[in-house]
C-alpha atoms as a PDB file:
ATOM      1  CA  UNK A   1       0.257   0.057  -0.433  1.00  0.00           C
ATOM      2  CA  UNK A   2       2.863   2.380   0.753  1.00  0.00           C
ATOM      3  CA  UNK A   3       4.091   2.385  -3.079  1.00  0.00           C
ATOM      4  CA  UNK A   4       0.460   3.292  -4.129  1.00  0.00           C
ATOM      5  CA  UNK A   5      -0.191   6.099  -1.744  1.00  0.00           C
ATOM      6  CA  UNK A   6       2.774   7.440  -1.657  1.00  0.00           C
ATOM      7  CA  UNK A   7       6.602   6.686  -2.695  1.00  0.00           C
ATOM      8  CA  UNK A   8       8.949   7.572   0.653  1.00  0.00           C
ATOM      9  CA  UNK A   9      11.512   9.723  -0.927  1.00  0.00           C
ATOM     10  CA  UNK A  10      15.493   9.061   0.105  1.00  0.00           C
ATOM     11  CA  UNK A  11      14.566   6.463   2.277  1.00  0.00           C
ATOM     12  CA  UNK A  12      17.533   4.874   3.097  1.00  0.00           C
ATOM     13  CA  UNK A  13      19.200   8.608   3.496  1.00  0.00           C
ATOM     14  CA  UNK A  14      16.563   9.103   5.999  1.00  0.00           C
ATOM     15  CA  UNK A  15      17.006   6.244   7.857  1.00  0.00           C
ATOM     16  CA  UNK A  16      20.881   6.281   7.814  1.00  0.00           C
ATOM     17  CA  UNK A  17      20.455  10.222   8.904  1.00  0.00           C
ATOM     18  CA  UNK A  18      19.067   8.872  11.984  1.00  0.00           C
ATOM     19  CA  UNK A  19      21.775   6.607  12.988  1.00  0.00           C
ATOM     20  CA  UNK A  20      18.680   4.425  14.684  1.00  0.00           C
ATOM     21  CA  UNK A  21      19.719   2.932  18.197  1.00  0.00           C
ATOM     22  CA  UNK A  22      17.489   0.037  18.300  1.00  0.00           C
ATOM     23  CA  UNK A  23      16.149   0.501  22.030  1.00  0.00           C
ATOM     24  CA  UNK A  24      15.395   4.210  20.866  1.00  0.00           C
ATOM     25  CA  UNK A  25      12.438   6.482  20.494  1.00  0.00           C
ATOM     26  CA  UNK A  26      11.846   8.549  17.454  1.00  0.00           C
ATOM     27  CA  UNK A  27       9.503  10.125  15.191  1.00  0.00           C
ATOM     28  CA  UNK A  28       8.099  10.667  12.653  1.00  0.00           C
ATOM     29  CA  UNK A  29       6.143  13.524  11.783  1.00  0.00           C
ATOM     30  CA  UNK A  30       4.974  13.260   7.907  1.00  0.00           C
ATOM     31  CA  UNK A  31       3.752   9.097   8.291  1.00  0.00           C
ATOM     32  CA  UNK A  32       1.761   9.673   4.641  1.00  0.00           C
ATOM     33  CA  UNK A  33       2.195   5.731   3.358  1.00  0.00           C
ATOM     34  CA  UNK A  34       4.340   4.752   6.693  1.00  0.00           C
ATOM     35  CA  UNK A  35       7.228   4.175   4.185  1.00  0.00           C
ATOM     36  CA  UNK A  36       9.755   5.700   6.355  1.00  0.00           C
ATOM     37  CA  UNK A  37       8.018   4.506   9.481  1.00  0.00           C
ATOM     38  CA  UNK A  38       8.456   0.869   7.815  1.00  0.00           C
ATOM     39  CA  UNK A  39      11.678   1.224   7.754  1.00  0.00           C
ATOM     40  CA  UNK A  40      12.718   2.695  11.014  1.00  0.00           C
ATOM     41  CA  UNK A  41      10.756  -0.148  12.546  1.00  0.00           C
ATOM     42  CA  UNK A  42      12.957  -2.400  10.542  1.00  0.00           C
ATOM     43  CA  UNK A  43      16.157  -1.157  12.741  1.00  0.00           C
ATOM     44  CA  UNK A  44      14.221  -0.968  15.697  1.00  0.00           C
ATOM     45  CA  UNK A  45      14.090  -3.609  18.140  1.00  0.00           C
ATOM     46  CA  UNK A  46      11.561  -5.020  20.534  1.00  0.00           C
ATOM     47  CA  UNK A  47      12.289  -1.986  23.420  1.00  0.00           C
ATOM     48  CA  UNK A  48      12.204   0.328  20.546  1.00  0.00           C
ATOM     49  CA  UNK A  49       9.278   2.896  19.645  1.00  0.00           C
ATOM     50  CA  UNK A  50       8.096   4.769  17.095  1.00  0.00           C
ATOM     51  CA  UNK A  51       5.565   7.420  17.197  1.00  0.00           C
ATOM     52  CA  UNK A  52       4.023   9.039  13.218  1.00  0.00           C
ATOM     53  CA  UNK A  53       2.037  12.192  12.943  1.00  0.00           C
ATOM     54  CA  UNK A  54      -0.584  12.514  10.413  1.00  0.00           C
ATOM     55  CA  UNK A  55      -3.848  14.916  10.074  1.00  0.00           C
ATOM     56  CA  UNK A  56      -5.404  13.305   6.936  1.00  0.00           C
ATOM     57  CA  UNK A  57      -7.944  10.896   7.624  1.00  0.00           C
ATOM     58  CA  UNK A  58      -6.827   9.097   3.878  1.00  0.00           C
ATOM     59  CA  UNK A  59      -3.060   8.746   5.371  1.00  0.00           C
ATOM     60  CA  UNK A  60      -4.430   7.744   9.011  1.00  0.00           C
ATOM     61  CA  UNK A  61      -5.931   4.543   7.302  1.00  0.00           C
ATOM     62  CA  UNK A  62      -2.041   3.249   6.624  1.00  0.00           C
ATOM     63  CA  UNK A  63      -1.861   2.897  10.221  1.00  0.00           C
ATOM     64  CA  UNK A  64       0.304   0.073  11.163  1.00  0.00           C
ATOM     65  CA  UNK A  65      -0.200  -3.096  13.150  1.00  0.00           C
ATOM     66  CA  UNK A  66       3.162  -3.319  15.505  1.00  0.00           C
ATOM     67  CA  UNK A  67       3.535  -2.945  18.948  1.00  0.00           C
ATOM     68  CA  UNK A  68       5.645  -0.502  18.885  1.00  0.00           C
ATOM     69  CA  UNK A  69       4.273   1.999  16.809  1.00  0.00           C
ATOM     70  CA  UNK A  70       1.720   4.790  17.918  1.00  0.00           C
ATOM     71  CA  UNK A  71      -0.518   6.989  15.050  1.00  0.00           C
ATOM     72  CA  UNK A  72      -1.097  10.090  16.598  1.00  0.00           C
ATOM     73  CA  UNK A  73      -3.806  12.047  14.500  1.00  0.00           C
ATOM     74  CA  UNK A  74      -2.907  15.477  14.685  1.00  0.00           C
ATOM     75  CA  UNK A  75      -0.833  17.944  13.214  1.00  0.00           C
ATOM     76  CA  UNK A  76       2.832  17.993  13.856  1.00  0.00           C
ATOM     77  CA  UNK A  77       2.710  21.358  15.248  1.00  0.00           C
ATOM     78  CA  UNK A  78       1.443  19.894  18.280  1.00  0.00           C
ATOM     79  CA  UNK A  79       4.150  17.520  18.794  1.00  0.00           C
ATOM     80  CA  UNK A  80       5.625  18.048  22.624  1.00  0.00           C
ATOM     81  CA  UNK A  81       2.162  18.224  23.451  1.00  0.00           C
ATOM     82  CA  UNK A  82       1.064  15.003  21.582  1.00  0.00           C
ATOM     83  CA  UNK A  83       3.828  13.146  22.896  1.00  0.00           C
ATOM     84  CA  UNK A  84       3.587  14.185  26.214  1.00  0.00           C
ATOM     85  CA  UNK A  85      -0.092  12.789  26.240  1.00  0.00           C
ATOM     86  CA  UNK A  86       1.443   9.750  25.130  1.00  0.00           C
ATOM     87  CA  UNK A  87       3.742   9.618  28.112  1.00  0.00           C
ATOM     88  CA  UNK A  88       6.549  10.314  26.050  1.00  0.00           C
ATOM     89  CA  UNK A  89       8.942  13.495  27.191  1.00  0.00           C
ATOM     90  CA  UNK A  90      12.099  13.084  24.892  1.00  0.00           C
ATOM     91  CA  UNK A  91      13.069  11.154  21.450  1.00  0.00           C
ATOM     92  CA  UNK A  92      16.476  10.220  20.116  1.00  0.00           C
ATOM     93  CA  UNK A  93      15.396  11.377  16.772  1.00  0.00           C
ATOM     94  CA  UNK A  94      12.777  13.086  14.487  1.00  0.00           C
ATOM     95  CA  UNK A  95      12.141  11.950  10.754  1.00  0.00           C
ATOM     96  CA  UNK A  96       9.863  15.174   8.606  1.00  0.00           C
ATOM     97  CA  UNK A  97       9.167  15.109   4.841  1.00  0.00           C
ATOM     98  CA  UNK A  98       7.082  18.484   4.185  1.00  0.00           C
ATOM     99  CA  UNK A  99       6.348  17.324   0.699  1.00  0.00           C
ATOM    100  CA  UNK A 100       2.585  17.058  -0.405  1.00  0.00           C
ATOM    101  CA  UNK A 101       1.825  13.316  -0.915  1.00  0.00           C
ATOM    102  CA  UNK A 102       1.471  11.651  -4.038  1.00  0.00           C
ATOM    103  CA  UNK A 103      -1.712  10.600  -3.262  1.00  0.00           C
ATOM    104  CA  UNK A 104      -2.887  14.030  -2.075  1.00  0.00           C
ATOM    105  CA  UNK A 105      -1.854  14.957  -5.579  1.00  0.00           C
ATOM    106  CA  UNK A 106      -3.575  11.793  -7.153  1.00  0.00           C
ATOM    107  CA  UNK A 107      -6.887  12.262  -5.717  1.00  0.00           C
ATOM    108  CA  UNK A 108      -8.880  14.466  -7.680  1.00  0.00           C
ATOM    109  CA  UNK A 109     -11.655  15.317  -5.246  1.00  0.00           C
ATOM    110  CA  UNK A 110      -8.960  16.837  -2.737  1.00  0.00           C
ATOM    111  CA  UNK A 111      -8.434  19.906  -4.992  1.00  0.00           C
ATOM    112  CA  UNK A 112      -4.921  20.179  -4.794  1.00  0.00           C
ATOM    113  CA  UNK A 113      -4.104  18.829  -8.374  1.00  0.00           C
ATOM    114  CA  UNK A 114      -3.893  21.485 -11.878  1.00  0.00           C
ATOM    115  CA  UNK A 115      -4.732  18.380 -13.914  1.00  0.00           C
ATOM    116  CA  UNK A 116      -8.122  17.535 -12.051  1.00  0.00           C
ATOM    117  CA  UNK A 117     -11.610  19.634 -12.310  1.00  0.00           C
ATOM    118  CA  UNK A 118     -12.670  18.962  -9.028  1.00  0.00           C
ATOM    119  CA  UNK A 119     -13.664  21.298  -5.935  1.00  0.00           C
ATOM    120  CA  UNK A 120     -11.142  23.918  -4.542  1.00  0.00           C
ATOM    121  CA  UNK A 121     -10.280  22.121  -1.409  1.00  0.00           C
ATOM    122  CA  UNK A 122      -6.775  21.492  -1.040  1.00  0.00           C
ATOM    123  CA  UNK A 123      -7.154  21.004   3.179  1.00  0.00           C
ATOM    124  CA  UNK A 124      -4.569  18.275   4.512  1.00  0.00           C
ATOM    125  CA  UNK A 125      -7.448  17.327   7.017  1.00  0.00           C
ATOM    126  CA  UNK A 126     -10.771  17.615   6.495  1.00  0.00           C
ATOM    127  CA  UNK A 127     -11.214  19.534  10.611  1.00  0.00           C
ATOM    128  CA  UNK A 128      -9.654  22.625   8.614  1.00  0.00           C
ATOM    129  CA  UNK A 129     -12.130  25.538   7.943  1.00  0.00           C
ATOM    130  CA  UNK A 130     -10.621  27.400   5.606  1.00  0.00           C
ATOM    131  CA  UNK A 131     -10.729  25.789   1.941  1.00  0.00           C
ATOM    132  CA  UNK A 132      -9.034  27.054  -0.768  1.00  0.00           C
ATOM    133  CA  UNK A 133     -12.349  28.174  -2.590  1.00  0.00           C
ATOM    134  CA  UNK A 134     -12.719  30.361   0.594  1.00  0.00           C
ATOM    135  CA  UNK A 135      -9.178  31.816  -0.151  1.00  0.00           C
ATOM    136  CA  UNK A 136      -9.877  32.429  -3.461  1.00  0.00           C
ATOM    137  CA  UNK A 137     -13.502  34.148  -3.478  1.00  0.00           C
ATOM    138  CA  UNK A 138     -12.525  35.817   0.010  1.00  0.00           C
ATOM    139  CA  UNK A 139      -9.811  37.513  -0.064  1.00  0.00           C
ATOM    140  CA  UNK A 140      -8.517  40.837  -0.999  1.00  0.00           C
ATOM    141  CA  UNK A 141      -6.844  41.918  -4.374  1.00  0.00           C
ATOM    142  CA  UNK A 142      -4.087  42.610  -2.151  1.00  0.00           C
ATOM    143  CA  UNK A 143      -4.209  39.682   0.254  1.00  0.00           C
ATOM    144  CA  UNK A 144      -4.173  37.428  -2.934  1.00  0.00           C
ATOM    145  CA  UNK A 145      -0.777  39.125  -4.352  1.00  0.00           C
ATOM    146  CA  UNK A 146       0.481  39.042  -1.223  1.00  0.00           C
ATOM    147  CA  UNK A 147       0.369  35.513  -1.246  1.00  0.00           C
ATOM    148  CA  UNK A 148       1.099  34.905  -4.612  1.00  0.00           C
ATOM    149  CA  UNK A 149       4.501  36.885  -3.965  1.00  0.00           C
ATOM    150  CA  UNK A 150       5.620  35.533  -0.748  1.00  0.00           C
ATOM    151  CA  UNK A 151       4.711  31.473  -1.378  1.00  0.00           C
ATOM    152  CA  UNK A 152       4.981  31.533  -4.775  1.00  0.00           C
ATOM    153  CA  UNK A 153       7.581  34.268  -6.058  1.00  0.00           C
ATOM    154  CA  UNK A 154       5.226  34.936  -8.881  1.00  0.00           C
ATOM    155  CA  UNK A 155       6.911  38.198 -10.502  1.00  0.00           C
ATOM    156  CA  UNK A 156       2.590  39.122 -11.734  1.00  0.00           C
ATOM    157  CA  UNK A 157       1.121  38.114  -8.898  1.00  0.00           C
ATOM    158  CA  UNK A 158      -0.842  41.442  -9.083  1.00  0.00           C
ATOM    159  CA  UNK A 159      -2.108  40.771 -12.169  1.00  0.00           C
ATOM    160  CA  UNK A 160      -3.202  37.112 -11.252  1.00  0.00           C
ATOM    161  CA  UNK A 161      -4.968  38.722  -8.136  1.00  0.00           C
ATOM    162  CA  UNK A 162      -6.767  40.879 -10.551  1.00  0.00           C
ATOM    163  CA  UNK A 163      -7.787  38.094 -13.247  1.00  0.00           C
ATOM    164  CA  UNK A 164      -8.860  36.077  -9.944  1.00  0.00           C
ATOM    165  CA  UNK A 165     -11.358  39.524  -8.610  1.00  0.00           C
ATOM    166  CA  UNK A 166     -12.534  40.349 -11.977  1.00  0.00           C
ATOM    167  CA  UNK A 167     -13.552  36.345 -12.666  1.00  0.00           C
ATOM    168  CA  UNK A 168     -15.091  36.529  -9.469  1.00  0.00           C
ATOM    169  CA  UNK A 169     -17.452  38.947 -10.281  1.00  0.00           C
ATOM    170  CA  UNK A 170     -19.302  36.758 -12.358  1.00  0.00           C
ATOM    171  CA  UNK A 171     -19.625  34.501 -10.080  1.00  0.00           C
ATOM    172  CA  UNK A 172     -17.567  32.220  -7.356  1.00  0.00           C
ATOM    173  CA  UNK A 173     -15.200  30.037  -8.309  1.00  0.00           C
ATOM    174  CA  UNK A 174     -15.678  26.982  -6.982  1.00  0.00           C
ATOM    175  CA  UNK A 175     -13.303  24.142  -9.202  1.00  0.00           C
ATOM    176  CA  UNK A 176      -9.928  23.974 -10.060  1.00  0.00           C
ATOM    177  CA  UNK A 177     -10.580  24.032 -13.519  1.00  0.00           C
ATOM    178  CA  UNK A 178     -12.436  27.708 -12.767  1.00  0.00           C
ATOM    179  CA  UNK A 179      -9.461  28.712 -11.106  1.00  0.00           C
ATOM    180  CA  UNK A 180      -7.402  27.965 -14.069  1.00  0.00           C
ATOM    181  CA  UNK A 181      -9.519  29.427 -16.696  1.00  0.00           C
ATOM    182  CA  UNK A 182     -10.090  33.297 -14.399  1.00  0.00           C
ATOM    183  CA  UNK A 183      -5.845  33.878 -14.627  1.00  0.00           C
ATOM    184  CA  UNK A 184      -5.109  32.054 -17.941  1.00  0.00           C
ATOM    185  CA  UNK A 185      -4.845  35.379 -19.772  1.00  0.00           C
ATOM    186  CA  UNK A 186      -1.907  36.456 -17.642  1.00  0.00           C
ATOM    187  CA  UNK A 187       0.027  33.841 -17.455  1.00  0.00           C
ATOM    188  CA  UNK A 188       3.591  34.030 -19.530  1.00  0.00           C
ATOM    189  CA  UNK A 189       2.489  31.524 -21.909  1.00  0.00           C
ATOM    190  CA  UNK A 190       5.908  29.855 -21.962  1.00  0.00           C
ATOM    191  CA  UNK A 191       5.816  28.454 -18.381  1.00  0.00           C
ATOM    192  CA  UNK A 192       1.834  28.379 -17.691  1.00  0.00           C
ATOM    193  CA  UNK A 193       1.916  25.203 -16.555  1.00  0.00           C
ATOM    194  CA  UNK A 194       4.466  25.892 -14.002  1.00  0.00           C
ATOM    195  CA  UNK A 195       2.826  29.078 -12.969  1.00  0.00           C
ATOM    196  CA  UNK A 196      -0.604  27.458 -12.627  1.00  0.00           C
ATOM    197  CA  UNK A 197       1.462  25.264  -9.992  1.00  0.00           C
ATOM    198  CA  UNK A 198       2.703  28.272  -8.179  1.00  0.00           C
ATOM    199  CA  UNK A 199      -0.463  29.491  -7.547  1.00  0.00           C
ATOM    200  CA  UNK A 200      -1.708  26.249  -6.607  1.00  0.00           C
ATOM    201  CA  UNK A 201       1.144  26.036  -4.335  1.00  0.00           C
ATOM    202  CA  UNK A 202       0.207  29.491  -2.841  1.00  0.00           C
ATOM    203  CA  UNK A 203      -2.585  28.976  -1.935  1.00  0.00           C
ATOM    204  CA  UNK A 204      -2.316  25.296  -0.693  1.00  0.00           C
ATOM    205  CA  UNK A 205       0.401  26.681   2.008  1.00  0.00           C
ATOM    206  CA  UNK A 206      -2.100  29.381   2.839  1.00  0.00           C
ATOM    207  CA  UNK A 207      -5.049  27.112   3.430  1.00  0.00           C
ATOM    208  CA  UNK A 208      -2.925  24.727   5.335  1.00  0.00           C
ATOM    209  CA  UNK A 209      -1.062  26.971   7.371  1.00  0.00           C
ATOM    210  CA  UNK A 210       2.162  25.085   6.294  1.00  0.00           C
ATOM    211  CA  UNK A 211       4.936  27.270   7.122  1.00  0.00           C
ATOM    212  CA  UNK A 212       3.640  28.404  10.134  1.00  0.00           C
ATOM    213  CA  UNK A 213       3.338  24.536  11.139  1.00  0.00           C
ATOM    214  CA  UNK A 214       6.790  23.987  10.456  1.00  0.00           C
ATOM    215  CA  UNK A 215       8.159  26.943  12.384  1.00  0.00           C
ATOM    216  CA  UNK A 216       5.675  25.897  15.502  1.00  0.00           C
ATOM    217  CA  UNK A 217       7.414  22.229  15.545  1.00  0.00           C
ATOM    218  CA  UNK A 218      10.722  23.511  14.753  1.00  0.00           C
ATOM    219  CA  UNK A 219      11.185  25.487  17.805  1.00  0.00           C
ATOM    220  CA  UNK A 220      10.013  22.267  19.812  1.00  0.00           C
ATOM    221  CA  UNK A 221      12.456  20.205  18.374  1.00  0.00           C
ATOM    222  CA  UNK A 222      14.705  21.765  21.426  1.00  0.00           C
ATOM    223  CA  UNK A 223      12.863  20.237  24.196  1.00  0.00           C
ATOM    224  CA  UNK A 224      11.934  17.228  22.605  1.00  0.00           C
ATOM    225  CA  UNK A 225      15.102  15.730  21.106  1.00  0.00           C
ATOM    226  CA  UNK A 226      17.865  14.348  23.702  1.00  0.00           C
ATOM    227  CA  UNK A 227      21.498  15.198  22.903  1.00  0.00           C
ATOM    228  CA  UNK A 228      22.742  13.156  20.222  1.00  0.00           C
ATOM    229  CA  UNK A 229      19.641  12.842  18.835  1.00  0.00           C
ATOM    230  CA  UNK A 230      19.283  13.144  15.546  1.00  0.00           C
ATOM    231  CA  UNK A 231      16.789  15.275  13.430  1.00  0.00           C
ATOM    232  CA  UNK A 232      16.352  14.557   9.665  1.00  0.00           C
ATOM    233  CA  UNK A 233      14.453  17.247   7.785  1.00  0.00           C
ATOM    234  CA  UNK A 234      13.528  17.091   3.886  1.00  0.00           C
ATOM    235  CA  UNK A 235      11.958  20.001   2.223  1.00  0.00           C
ATOM    236  CA  UNK A 236      10.769  20.403  -1.537  1.00  0.00           C
ATOM    237  CA  UNK A 237      10.586  24.351  -1.667  1.00  0.00           C
ATOM    238  CA  UNK A 238      12.956  27.235  -0.856  1.00  0.00           C
ATOM    239  CA  UNK A 239      10.416  28.711   1.940  1.00  0.00           C
ATOM    240  CA  UNK A 240      10.468  25.206   3.970  1.00  0.00           C
ATOM    241  CA  UNK A 241      14.273  24.643   3.346  1.00  0.00           C
ATOM    242  CA  UNK A 242      14.977  28.558   4.600  1.00  0.00           C
ATOM    243  CA  UNK A 243      13.465  27.249   7.288  1.00  0.00           C
ATOM    244  CA  UNK A 244      15.481  24.348   8.132  1.00  0.00           C
ATOM    245  CA  UNK A 245      18.607  26.076   7.215  1.00  0.00           C
ATOM    246  CA  UNK A 246      18.112  29.022   9.863  1.00  0.00           C
ATOM    247  CA  UNK A 247      17.370  26.525  12.799  1.00  0.00           C
ATOM    248  CA  UNK A 248      19.860  24.005  12.174  1.00  0.00           C
ATOM    249  CA  UNK A 249      22.383  26.850  11.919  1.00  0.00           C
ATOM    250  CA  UNK A 250      20.919  29.119  14.965  1.00  0.00           C
ATOM    251  CA  UNK A 251      18.567  27.184  16.291  1.00  0.00           C
ATOM    252  CA  UNK A 252      16.044  29.982  15.980  1.00  0.00           C
ATOM    253  CA  UNK A 253      13.253  30.138  12.421  1.00  0.00           C
ATOM    254  CA  UNK A 254      14.394  33.525  11.675  1.00  0.00           C
ATOM    255  CA  UNK A 255      18.274  32.253  11.237  1.00  0.00           C
ATOM    256  CA  UNK A 256      19.308  35.106  14.061  1.00  0.00           C
ATOM    257  CA  UNK A 257      21.454  33.585  16.354  1.00  0.00           C
ATOM    258  CA  UNK A 258      20.424  34.799  20.278  1.00  0.00           C
ATOM    259  CA  UNK A 259      23.120  35.103  22.797  1.00  0.00           C
ATOM    260  CA  UNK A 260      23.744  34.894  26.461  1.00  0.00           C
ATOM    261  CA  UNK A 261      24.501  37.503  29.223  1.00  0.00           C
ATOM    262  CA  UNK A 262      28.058  36.938  28.669  1.00  0.00           C
ATOM    263  CA  UNK A 263      27.813  36.447  24.549  1.00  0.00           C
ATOM    264  CA  UNK A 264      28.049  32.833  24.083  1.00  0.00           C
ATOM    265  CA  UNK A 265      25.426  31.765  21.366  1.00  0.00           C
ATOM    266  CA  UNK A 266      22.474  29.586  22.549  1.00  0.00           C
ATOM    267  CA  UNK A 267      22.961  26.785  19.992  1.00  0.00           C
ATOM    268  CA  UNK A 268      21.001  23.421  20.152  1.00  0.00           C
ATOM    269  CA  UNK A 269      21.406  21.669  17.027  1.00  0.00           C
ATOM    270  CA  UNK A 270      25.132  21.090  14.885  1.00  0.00           C
ATOM    271  CA  UNK A 271      24.545  20.087  10.916  1.00  0.00           C
ATOM    272  CA  UNK A 272      25.490  16.728   9.963  1.00  0.00           C
ATOM    273  CA  UNK A 273      27.429  16.550   6.754  1.00  0.00           C
ATOM    274  CA  UNK A 274      25.864  18.343   3.500  1.00  0.00           C
ATOM    275  CA  UNK A 275      22.698  18.655   2.205  1.00  0.00           C
ATOM    276  CA  UNK A 276      20.965  15.798   0.587  1.00  0.00           C
ATOM    277  CA  UNK A 277      19.430  15.473  -2.628  1.00  0.00           C
ATOM    278  CA  UNK A 278      17.974  12.285  -4.787  1.00  0.00           C
ATOM    279  CA  UNK A 279      20.465  10.313  -6.786  1.00  0.00           C
ATOM    280  CA  UNK A 280      19.566  10.392 -11.182  1.00  0.00           C
ATOM    281  CA  UNK A 281      18.477   6.492  -9.955  1.00  0.00           C
ATOM    282  CA  UNK A 282      15.826   8.274  -7.647  1.00  0.00           C
ATOM    283  CA  UNK A 283      14.968  10.929 -10.145  1.00  0.00           C
ATOM    284  CA  UNK A 284      14.099   8.204 -12.742  1.00  0.00           C
ATOM    285  CA  UNK A 285      12.057   5.924 -10.807  1.00  0.00           C
ATOM    286  CA  UNK A 286      10.319   8.758  -9.038  1.00  0.00           C
ATOM    287  CA  UNK A 287      10.221  12.006 -10.679  1.00  0.00           C
ATOM    288  CA  UNK A 288       8.208  13.729  -7.516  1.00  0.00           C
ATOM    289  CA  UNK A 289      11.793  13.796  -5.473  1.00  0.00           C
ATOM    290  CA  UNK A 290      13.853  16.571  -8.198  1.00  0.00           C
ATOM    291  CA  UNK A 291      13.227  19.305  -5.771  1.00  0.00           C
ATOM    292  CA  UNK A 292      14.007  17.477  -2.539  1.00  0.00           C
ATOM    293  CA  UNK A 293      16.157  18.064   0.070  1.00  0.00           C
ATOM    294  CA  UNK A 294      17.030  16.581   3.002  1.00  0.00           C
ATOM    295  CA  UNK A 295      19.005  18.544   6.122  1.00  0.00           C
ATOM    296  CA  UNK A 296      20.647  16.228   9.189  1.00  0.00           C
ATOM    297  CA  UNK A 297      21.536  17.918  12.395  1.00  0.00           C
ATOM    298  CA  UNK A 298      22.423  16.481  15.416  1.00  0.00           C
ATOM    299  CA  UNK A 299      21.101  17.966  19.263  1.00  0.00           C
ATOM    300  CA  UNK A 300      24.090  19.378  20.865  1.00  0.00           C
ATOM    301  CA  UNK A 301      24.717  19.602  24.648  1.00  0.00           C
ATOM    302  CA  UNK A 302      22.622  22.513  25.808  1.00  0.00           C
ATOM    303  CA  UNK A 303      25.290  24.729  27.982  1.00  0.00           C
ATOM    304  CA  UNK A 304      23.309  27.394  27.873  1.00  0.00           C
ATOM    305  CA  UNK A 305      19.713  26.487  29.964  1.00  0.00           C
ATOM    306  CA  UNK A 306      17.621  28.730  31.579  1.00  0.00           C
ATOM    307  CA  UNK A 307      16.807  27.937  34.978  1.00  0.00           C
END
C-alpha cells in the first residue's frame, strides 16, 4: 500500500541519517503511506518505539499493526503536547518529509492538482475550516497578490490577483478548472504550467498554514530531542528549506543567533554533513523527488539552559 499511496523520498538516506538505536524512541512527523515508518521499525528492536503524526484521515487508514508503533492523528505543530499525552517526554530522533503526498495530488476530489477538475479544497485535514475556495473568493486583491508573491515568488502576482477578482464578479470560483481559466490570460505562455502550479502551491500553503506549522514544530525540537539525537528534515521548496536551514544554524527559524548574558551563542543543534538530494536513479524512478533537500542535524549539549 505504501508504494501506491506515496513513494517515500530518500528512504535509505533518511533512515541512515537518524543513526537509529535499536532501543530508541523516534518520531515520523509525516506518516503518509508509512514508507519511512516501516523502514525505521525495521531498525528498531523489541523495546524501540516509533510515534508517527498525520492529520490526513486518508493517511490514518495506513496505520501499521505493530506494538512498537503509535499513530497520532494530529498536525505535527502539536509535537510536544501530543508526545506528552502518550507518556513520552524525549526522543532519539525525528524525521519530517514536508512534501505533499502523491496520494493527495492524485486524488482528484482533494483539489490539490491542476490535472483534475475538482472542488477547490486543498485541505490536508477535513477538520480545517478554510478551503482553497474560501481563499480565492474572499481574499482581497492585495491579500491574494501578497500570498502569490510570498509563497510562490510570482512576479505577476498582482495581475493574477486582479484576474481572480474580475472572474469573481460573474460568480464564485468553486473548482480547480474555473481557477485555471480565471488566471489563464495573465500567465506567461511559455511558463503557464509552472505558474499554474505555483498559484496552487501558494493557495495550498495558505489554506494549511504550512510554514507556520513548520515554524512551531521546529522550536519544539529543542525540548523534545535528547542530546546526541538526530533530526532529518526534508523540504521541497525554498520557503521550507530556509526555515530548516535557519533553525539548524541558529536554533531559531529567523536565523538570528541568540546569545546569553556573556555573549555565548545559544545553539542546540549542529549540522551533520551536507544537504542530500535524490540520486539520478531515484529521480528516474520517482520524478517527484527532484526538488527534495534533506538536511540533518544533531542535538548538542545545552550549555546555556535557563533555570
